[in-house]
């Protein structure tokens, strides 16, 4: 989890400021579901995305 939060902060949180909590919540959800889980490769998974790893496990 520490690695995830570090990545989240470096790639999203430290890059901008939000006017409201709802705006921040929307962007965090979009980052996690739209990018982190579907497009970003992970070394711990053999350099594939979590979505690919889940499909391979089925």
Protein backbone atom coordinates (compact mmCIF):
# COMPACT_ATOMS: atom_id res chain seq x y z
CA UNK A 1 0.00 0.00 0.00
CA UNK A 2 2.85 2.40 0.73
CA UNK A 3 4.06 2.04 -2.84
CA UNK A 4 0.57 2.75 -4.18
CA UNK A 5 0.16 5.89 -2.08
CA UNK A 6 3.60 7.13 -3.08
CA UNK A 7 2.76 6.63 -6.75
CA UNK A 8 -0.62 8.30 -6.31
CA UNK A 9 0.95 11.34 -4.69
CA UNK A 10 3.73 11.68 -7.25
CA UNK A 11 1.56 11.12 -10.32
CA UNK A 12 -1.59 12.98 -9.28
CA UNK A 13 -1.84 14.66 -5.90
CA UNK A 14 1.29 16.82 -6.02
CA UNK A 15 0.46 17.90 -9.57
CA UNK A 16 -2.66 19.96 -8.80
CA UNK A 17 -5.04 21.51 -6.30
CA UNK A 18 -8.79 20.94 -6.12
CA UNK A 19 -11.45 23.50 -5.32
CA UNK A 20 -13.78 20.97 -3.66
CA UNK A 21 -13.63 17.52 -2.12
CA UNK A 22 -16.03 16.25 -4.78
CA UNK A 23 -13.66 17.39 -7.51
CA UNK A 24 -10.75 15.64 -5.77
CA UNK A 25 -12.83 12.48 -5.26
CA UNK A 26 -13.78 12.42 -8.97
CA UNK A 27 -10.16 12.81 -10.09
CA UNK A 28 -8.89 10.19 -7.65
CA UNK A 29 -11.50 7.70 -8.84
CA UNK A 30 -10.65 8.43 -12.49
CA UNK A 31 -6.93 7.98 -11.79
CA UNK A 32 -7.34 4.68 -9.95
CA UNK A 33 -10.01 3.08 -12.14
CA UNK A 34 -9.12 4.66 -15.47
CA UNK A 35 -5.35 4.67 -15.37
CA UNK A 36 -3.77 2.82 -12.44
CA UNK A 37 -5.80 -0.38 -12.80
CA UNK A 38 -6.25 -0.43 -16.58
CA UNK A 39 -3.21 1.15 -18.25
CA UNK A 40 -0.28 1.45 -15.83
CA UNK A 41 2.08 -1.52 -15.84
CA UNK A 42 3.25 -2.94 -12.50
CA UNK A 43 6.63 -4.57 -11.94
CA UNK A 44 5.19 -6.82 -9.21
CA UNK A 45 2.82 -8.30 -11.80
CA UNK A 46 5.50 -9.02 -14.37
CA UNK A 47 5.11 -5.67 -16.15
CA UNK A 48 1.46 -6.06 -17.05
CA UNK A 49 -1.58 -4.11 -15.87
CA UNK A 50 -3.74 -5.30 -12.96
CA UNK A 51 -6.59 -5.74 -15.44
CA UNK A 52 -4.42 -8.05 -17.59
CA UNK A 53 -3.30 -9.99 -14.49
CA UNK A 54 -6.89 -10.53 -13.46
CA UNK A 55 -7.85 -11.75 -16.95
CA UNK A 56 -4.85 -14.12 -16.97
CA UNK A 57 -5.90 -15.56 -13.60
CA UNK A 58 -9.36 -16.51 -14.87
